[in-house]
């Protein structure tokens, strides 16, 4: 994510970018040392999408002060 957006890692570590998921549980985060998008919580497909064939988790990336 850092590379794709042209951000430096200190900008991510200092809270300049964050990932927000729908609902209460935040399933994704930005890794502070690499800038990679990582899973922040265990994702249980059966619990989230028990009756749906295609399971989609949406999230938004918020970047402060750069865009």
PDB file of N, CA and C in Angstrom:
ATOM      1  N   UNK A   1       0.831  -1.182   0.000  1.00  0.00           N
ATOM      2  CA  UNK A   1       0.000   0.000   0.000  1.00  0.00           C
ATOM      3  C   UNK A   1       0.880   1.251   0.000  1.00  0.00           C
ATOM      4  N   UNK A   2       1.903   1.248   0.840  1.00  0.00           N
ATOM      5  CA  UNK A   2       2.785   2.423   0.895  1.00  0.00           C
ATOM      6  C   UNK A   2       3.406   2.688  -0.473  1.00  0.00           C
ATOM      7  N   UNK A   3       3.873   1.654  -1.117  1.00  0.00           N
ATOM      8  CA  UNK A   3       4.509   1.803  -2.430  1.00  0.00           C
ATOM      9  C   UNK A   3       3.493   2.272  -3.477  1.00  0.00           C
ATOM     10  N   UNK A   4       2.306   1.675  -3.467  1.00  0.00           N
ATOM     11  CA  UNK A   4       1.278   2.039  -4.443  1.00  0.00           C
ATOM     12  C   UNK A   4       0.843   3.496  -4.318  1.00  0.00           C
ATOM     13  N   UNK A   5       0.812   4.011  -3.087  1.00  0.00           N
ATOM     14  CA  UNK A   5       0.374   5.384  -2.862  1.00  0.00           C
ATOM     15  C   UNK A   5       1.514   6.384  -2.810  1.00  0.00           C
ATOM     16  N   UNK A   6       2.748   5.900  -2.896  1.00  0.00           N
ATOM     17  CA  UNK A   6       3.897   6.787  -2.846  1.00  0.00           C
ATOM     18  C   UNK A   6       4.145   7.361  -1.457  1.00  0.00           C
ATOM     19  N   UNK A   7       3.767   6.613  -0.422  1.00  0.00           N
ATOM     20  CA  UNK A   7       3.970   7.056   0.956  1.00  0.00           C
ATOM     21  C   UNK A   7       5.278   6.505   1.501  1.00  0.00           C
ATOM     22  N   UNK A   8       5.854   7.230   2.423  1.00  0.00           N
ATOM     23  CA  UNK A   8       7.034   6.760   3.131  1.00  0.00           C
ATOM     24  C   UNK A   8       6.564   6.022   4.385  1.00  0.00           C
ATOM     25  N   UNK A   9       7.337   5.038   4.822  1.00  0.00           N
ATOM     26  CA  UNK A   9       6.934   4.250   5.988  1.00  0.00           C
ATOM     27  C   UNK A   9       6.723   5.089   7.249  1.00  0.00           C
ATOM     28  N   UNK A  10       7.521   6.115   7.519  1.00  0.00           N
ATOM     29  CA  UNK A  10       7.240   6.939   8.711  1.00  0.00           C
ATOM     30  C   UNK A  10       5.853   7.584   8.684  1.00  0.00           C
ATOM     31  N   UNK A  11       5.340   7.902   7.502  1.00  0.00           N
ATOM     32  CA  UNK A  11       4.003   8.487   7.397  1.00  0.00           C
ATOM     33  C   UNK A  11       2.938   7.491   7.838  1.00  0.00           C
ATOM     34  N   UNK A  12       3.148   6.220   7.526  1.00  0.00           N
ATOM     35  CA  UNK A  12       2.201   5.178   7.947  1.00  0.00           C
ATOM     36  C   UNK A  12       2.323   4.941   9.446  1.00  0.00           C
ATOM     37  N   UNK A  13       3.554   4.850   9.942  1.00  0.00           N
ATOM     38  CA  UNK A  13       3.765   4.610  11.372  1.00  0.00           C
ATOM     39  C   UNK A  13       3.219   5.742  12.227  1.00  0.00           C
ATOM     40  N   UNK A  14       3.272   6.956  11.744  1.00  0.00           N
ATOM     41  CA  UNK A  14       2.825   8.116  12.516  1.00  0.00           C
ATOM     42  C   UNK A  14       1.323   8.358  12.407  1.00  0.00           C
ATOM     43  N   UNK A  15       0.598   7.422  11.845  1.00  0.00           N
ATOM     44  CA  UNK A  15      -0.855   7.530  11.784  1.00  0.00           C
ATOM     45  C   UNK A  15      -1.392   8.310  10.605  1.00  0.00           C
ATOM     46  N   UNK A  16      -0.588   8.531   9.587  1.00  0.00           N
ATOM     47  CA  UNK A  16      -1.043   9.261   8.413  1.00  0.00           C
ATOM     48  C   UNK A  16      -1.934   8.451   7.501  1.00  0.00           C
ATOM     49  N   UNK A  17      -1.961   7.136   7.699  1.00  0.00           N
ATOM     50  CA  UNK A  17      -2.806   6.261   6.894  1.00  0.00           C
ATOM     51  C   UNK A  17      -3.411   5.197   7.800  1.00  0.00           C
ATOM     52  N   UNK A  18      -4.673   4.871   7.530  1.00  0.00           N
ATOM     53  CA  UNK A  18      -5.323   3.826   8.313  1.00  0.00           C
ATOM     54  C   UNK A  18      -6.328   3.093   7.449  1.00  0.00           C
ATOM     55  N   UNK A  19      -6.643   1.866   7.854  1.00  0.00           N
ATOM     56  CA  UNK A  19      -7.597   1.034   7.138  1.00  0.00           C
ATOM     57  C   UNK A  19      -8.846   0.909   8.008  1.00  0.00           C
ATOM     58  N   UNK A  20     -10.013   1.120   7.402  1.00  0.00           N
ATOM     59  CA  UNK A  20     -11.278   1.027   8.123  1.00  0.00           C
ATOM     60  C   UNK A  20     -12.150  -0.014   7.436  1.00  0.00           C
ATOM     61  N   UNK A  21     -12.630  -0.982   8.214  1.00  0.00           N
ATOM     62  CA  UNK A  21     -13.518  -2.019   7.695  1.00  0.00           C
ATOM     63  C   UNK A  21     -14.956  -1.701   8.078  1.00  0.00           C
ATOM     64  N   UNK A  22     -15.892  -2.304   7.349  1.00  0.00           N
ATOM     65  CA  UNK A  22     -17.299  -2.167   7.715  1.00  0.00           C
ATOM     66  C   UNK A  22     -17.548  -2.926   9.009  1.00  0.00           C
ATOM     67  N   UNK A  23     -18.468  -2.455   9.819  1.00  0.00           N
ATOM     68  CA  UNK A  23     -18.816  -3.144  11.055  1.00  0.00           C
ATOM     69  C   UNK A  23     -17.872  -2.807  12.187  1.00  0.00           C
ATOM     70  N   UNK A  24     -18.023  -3.534  13.277  1.00  0.00           N
ATOM     71  CA  UNK A  24     -17.243  -3.253  14.480  1.00  0.00           C
ATOM     72  C   UNK A  24     -15.834  -3.831  14.434  1.00  0.00           C
ATOM     73  N   UNK A  25     -15.682  -4.984  13.820  1.00  0.00           N
ATOM     74  CA  UNK A  25     -14.380  -5.650  13.793  1.00  0.00           C
ATOM     75  C   UNK A  25     -13.535  -5.114  12.658  1.00  0.00           C
ATOM     76  N   UNK A  26     -12.318  -4.719  12.973  1.00  0.00           N
ATOM     77  CA  UNK A  26     -11.378  -4.239  11.966  1.00  0.00           C
ATOM     78  C   UNK A  26     -10.506  -5.423  11.544  1.00  0.00           C
ATOM     79  N   UNK A  27     -10.777  -5.961  10.352  1.00  0.00           N
ATOM     80  CA  UNK A  27     -10.089  -7.165   9.889  1.00  0.00           C
ATOM     81  C   UNK A  27      -8.743  -6.877   9.243  1.00  0.00           C
ATOM     82  N   UNK A  28      -8.508  -5.643   8.832  1.00  0.00           N
ATOM     83  CA  UNK A  28      -7.280  -5.318   8.114  1.00  0.00           C
ATOM     84  C   UNK A  28      -6.540  -4.175   8.791  1.00  0.00           C
ATOM     85  N   UNK A  29      -5.226  -4.136   8.575  1.00  0.00           N
ATOM     86  CA  UNK A  29      -4.384  -3.064   9.126  1.00  0.00           C
ATOM     87  C   UNK A  29      -3.207  -2.862   8.190  1.00  0.00           C
ATOM     88  N   UNK A  30      -2.491  -1.774   8.384  1.00  0.00           N
ATOM     89  CA  UNK A  30      -1.256  -1.525   7.651  1.00  0.00           C
ATOM     90  C   UNK A  30      -0.087  -1.892   8.553  1.00  0.00           C
ATOM     91  N   UNK A  31       0.800  -2.720   8.052  1.00  0.00           N
ATOM     92  CA  UNK A  31       1.991  -3.119   8.813  1.00  0.00           C
ATOM     93  C   UNK A  31       2.943  -1.930   8.855  1.00  0.00           C
ATOM     94  N   UNK A  32       3.295  -1.492  10.052  1.00  0.00           N
ATOM     95  CA  UNK A  32       4.101  -0.287  10.226  1.00  0.00           C
ATOM     96  C   UNK A  32       5.506  -0.369   9.680  1.00  0.00           C
ATOM     97  N   UNK A  33       6.104  -1.565   9.644  1.00  0.00           N
ATOM     98  CA  UNK A  33       7.486  -1.691   9.169  1.00  0.00           C
ATOM     99  C   UNK A  33       7.597  -1.899   7.664  1.00  0.00           C
ATOM    100  N   UNK A  34       6.542  -2.481   7.057  1.00  0.00           N
ATOM    101  CA  UNK A  34       6.620  -2.783   5.629  1.00  0.00           C
ATOM    102  C   UNK A  34       5.651  -1.981   4.772  1.00  0.00           C
ATOM    103  N   UNK A  35       4.564  -1.468   5.383  1.00  0.00           N
ATOM    104  CA  UNK A  35       3.542  -0.773   4.616  1.00  0.00           C
ATOM    105  C   UNK A  35       2.589  -1.704   3.900  1.00  0.00           C
ATOM    106  N   UNK A  36       2.663  -3.007   4.199  1.00  0.00           N
ATOM    107  CA  UNK A  36       1.782  -3.992   3.568  1.00  0.00           C
ATOM    108  C   UNK A  36       0.416  -4.004   4.240  1.00  0.00           C
ATOM    109  N   UNK A  37      -0.605  -4.354   3.477  1.00  0.00           N
ATOM    110  CA  UNK A  37      -1.938  -4.574   4.004  1.00  0.00           C
ATOM    111  C   UNK A  37      -1.955  -5.979   4.590  1.00  0.00           C
ATOM    112  N   UNK A  38      -2.303  -6.104   5.876  1.00  0.00           N
ATOM    113  CA  UNK A  38      -2.284  -7.398   6.557  1.00  0.00           C
ATOM    114  C   UNK A  38      -3.612  -7.631   7.261  1.00  0.00           C
ATOM    115  N   UNK A  39      -3.879  -8.876   7.623  1.00  0.00           N
ATOM    116  CA  UNK A  39      -5.074  -9.171   8.409  1.00  0.00           C
ATOM    117  C   UNK A  39      -4.783  -8.844   9.869  1.00  0.00           C
ATOM    118  N   UNK A  40      -5.715  -8.153  10.501  1.00  0.00           N
ATOM    119  CA  UNK A  40      -5.557  -7.751  11.891  1.00  0.00           C
ATOM    120  C   UNK A  40      -6.305  -8.684  12.833  1.00  0.00           C
ATOM    121  N   UNK A  41      -7.285  -9.387  12.315  1.00  0.00           N
ATOM    122  CA  UNK A  41      -8.094 -10.325  13.086  1.00  0.00           C
ATOM    123  C   UNK A  41      -8.273 -11.600  12.277  1.00  0.00           C
ATOM    124  N   UNK A  42      -8.570 -12.672  12.982  1.00  0.00           N
ATOM    125  CA  UNK A  42      -8.878 -13.931  12.304  1.00  0.00           C
ATOM    126  C   UNK A  42     -10.174 -13.752  11.524  1.00  0.00           C
ATOM    127  N   UNK A  43     -10.194 -14.183  10.276  1.00  0.00           N
ATOM    128  CA  UNK A  43     -11.377 -14.058   9.429  1.00  0.00           C
ATOM    129  C   UNK A  43     -12.025 -15.430   9.307  1.00  0.00           C
ATOM    130  N   UNK A  44     -13.228 -15.558   9.866  1.00  0.00           N
ATOM    131  CA  UNK A  44     -13.972 -16.822   9.850  1.00  0.00           C
ATOM    132  C   UNK A  44     -15.067 -16.715   8.789  1.00  0.00           C
ATOM    133  N   UNK A  45     -14.812 -17.290   7.629  1.00  0.00           N
ATOM    134  CA  UNK A  45     -15.744 -17.180   6.510  1.00  0.00           C
ATOM    135  C   UNK A  45     -17.113 -17.742   6.856  1.00  0.00           C
ATOM    136  N   UNK A  46     -17.170 -18.864   7.562  1.00  0.00           N
ATOM    137  CA  UNK A  46     -18.448 -19.484   7.900  1.00  0.00           C
ATOM    138  C   UNK A  46     -19.285 -18.573   8.798  1.00  0.00           C
ATOM    139  N   UNK A  47     -18.653 -17.858   9.683  1.00  0.00           N
ATOM    140  CA  UNK A  47     -19.367 -16.949  10.572  1.00  0.00           C
ATOM    141  C   UNK A  47     -19.832 -15.696   9.831  1.00  0.00           C
ATOM    142  N   UNK A  48     -18.998 -15.139   8.980  1.00  0.00           N
ATOM    143  CA  UNK A  48     -19.323 -13.890   8.288  1.00  0.00           C
ATOM    144  C   UNK A  48     -20.290 -14.071   7.125  1.00  0.00           C
ATOM    145  N   UNK A  49     -20.116 -15.139   6.382  1.00  0.00           N
ATOM    146  CA  UNK A  49     -20.875 -15.316   5.133  1.00  0.00           C
ATOM    147  C   UNK A  49     -21.461 -16.716   5.050  1.00  0.00           C
ATOM    148  N   UNK A  50     -22.135 -17.144   6.091  1.00  0.00           N
ATOM    149  CA  UNK A  50     -22.575 -18.531   6.153  1.00  0.00           C
ATOM    150  C   UNK A  50     -23.512 -18.951   5.030  1.00  0.00           C
ATOM    151  N   UNK A  51     -24.366 -18.065   4.546  1.00  0.00           N
ATOM    152  CA  UNK A  51     -25.322 -18.464   3.512  1.00  0.00           C
ATOM    153  C   UNK A  51     -25.034 -17.826   2.150  1.00  0.00           C
ATOM    154  N   UNK A  52     -23.879 -17.204   2.001  1.00  0.00           N
ATOM    155  CA  UNK A  52     -23.532 -16.527   0.751  1.00  0.00           C
ATOM    156  C   UNK A  52     -22.384 -17.269   0.084  1.00  0.00           C
ATOM    157  N   UNK A  53     -22.512 -17.518  -1.224  1.00  0.00           N
ATOM    158  CA  UNK A  53     -21.462 -18.247  -1.931  1.00  0.00           C
ATOM    159  C   UNK A  53     -20.200 -17.409  -2.084  1.00  0.00           C
ATOM    160  N   UNK A  54     -20.339 -16.140  -2.436  1.00  0.00           N
ATOM    161  CA  UNK A  54     -19.190 -15.263  -2.613  1.00  0.00           C
ATOM    162  C   UNK A  54     -19.090 -14.331  -1.405  1.00  0.00           C
ATOM    163  N   UNK A  55     -18.016 -14.461  -0.655  1.00  0.00           N
ATOM    164  CA  UNK A  55     -17.825 -13.676   0.565  1.00  0.00           C
ATOM    165  C   UNK A  55     -16.881 -12.511   0.270  1.00  0.00           C
ATOM    166  N   UNK A  56     -17.340 -11.275   0.526  1.00  0.00           N
ATOM    167  CA  UNK A  56     -16.548 -10.087   0.243  1.00  0.00           C
ATOM    168  C   UNK A  56     -16.455  -9.243   1.514  1.00  0.00           C
ATOM    169  N   UNK A  57     -15.249  -8.875   1.883  1.00  0.00           N
ATOM    170  CA  UNK A  57     -15.029  -7.954   2.994  1.00  0.00           C
ATOM    171  C   UNK A  57     -14.518  -6.650   2.404  1.00  0.00           C
ATOM    172  N   UNK A  58     -15.205  -5.576   2.669  1.00  0.00           N
ATOM    173  CA  UNK A  58     -14.810  -4.273   2.132  1.00  0.00           C
ATOM    174  C   UNK A  58     -14.090  -3.471   3.206  1.00  0.00           C
ATOM    175  N   UNK A  59     -13.126  -2.704   2.750  1.00  0.00           N
ATOM    176  CA  UNK A  59     -12.426  -1.801   3.661  1.00  0.00           C
ATOM    177  C   UNK A  59     -12.039  -0.548   2.887  1.00  0.00           C
ATOM    178  N   UNK A  60     -11.771   0.513   3.629  1.00  0.00           N
ATOM    179  CA  UNK A  60     -11.354   1.777   3.032  1.00  0.00           C
ATOM    180  C   UNK A  60     -10.008   2.169   3.606  1.00  0.00           C
ATOM    181  N   UNK A  61      -9.203   2.776   2.781  1.00  0.00           N
ATOM    182  CA  UNK A  61      -7.908   3.302   3.202  1.00  0.00           C
ATOM    183  C   UNK A  61      -8.049   4.805   3.341  1.00  0.00           C
ATOM    184  N   UNK A  62      -7.743   5.325   4.514  1.00  0.00           N
ATOM    185  CA  UNK A  62      -7.818   6.757   4.770  1.00  0.00           C
ATOM    186  C   UNK A  62      -6.395   7.293   4.903  1.00  0.00           C
ATOM    187  N   UNK A  63      -6.076   8.274   4.064  1.00  0.00           N
ATOM    188  CA  UNK A  63      -4.747   8.898   4.086  1.00  0.00           C
ATOM    189  C   UNK A  63      -4.950  10.363   4.412  1.00  0.00           C
ATOM    190  N   UNK A  64      -4.337  10.810   5.501  1.00  0.00           N
ATOM    191  CA  UNK A  64      -4.497  12.196   5.940  1.00  0.00           C
ATOM    192  C   UNK A  64      -3.398  13.086   5.379  1.00  0.00           C
ATOM    193  N   UNK A  65      -3.794  14.242   4.874  1.00  0.00           N
ATOM    194  CA  UNK A  65      -2.848  15.266   4.493  1.00  0.00           C
ATOM    195  C   UNK A  65      -2.114  15.083   3.184  1.00  0.00           C
ATOM    196  N   UNK A  66      -2.306  13.981   2.473  1.00  0.00           N
ATOM    197  CA  UNK A  66      -1.545  13.737   1.248  1.00  0.00           C
ATOM    198  C   UNK A  66      -2.385  13.829  -0.015  1.00  0.00           C
ATOM    199  N   UNK A  67      -3.653  13.512   0.066  1.00  0.00           N
ATOM    200  CA  UNK A  67      -4.473  13.417  -1.128  1.00  0.00           C
ATOM    201  C   UNK A  67      -5.317  14.652  -1.300  1.00  0.00           C
TER     202      UNK A  67
END
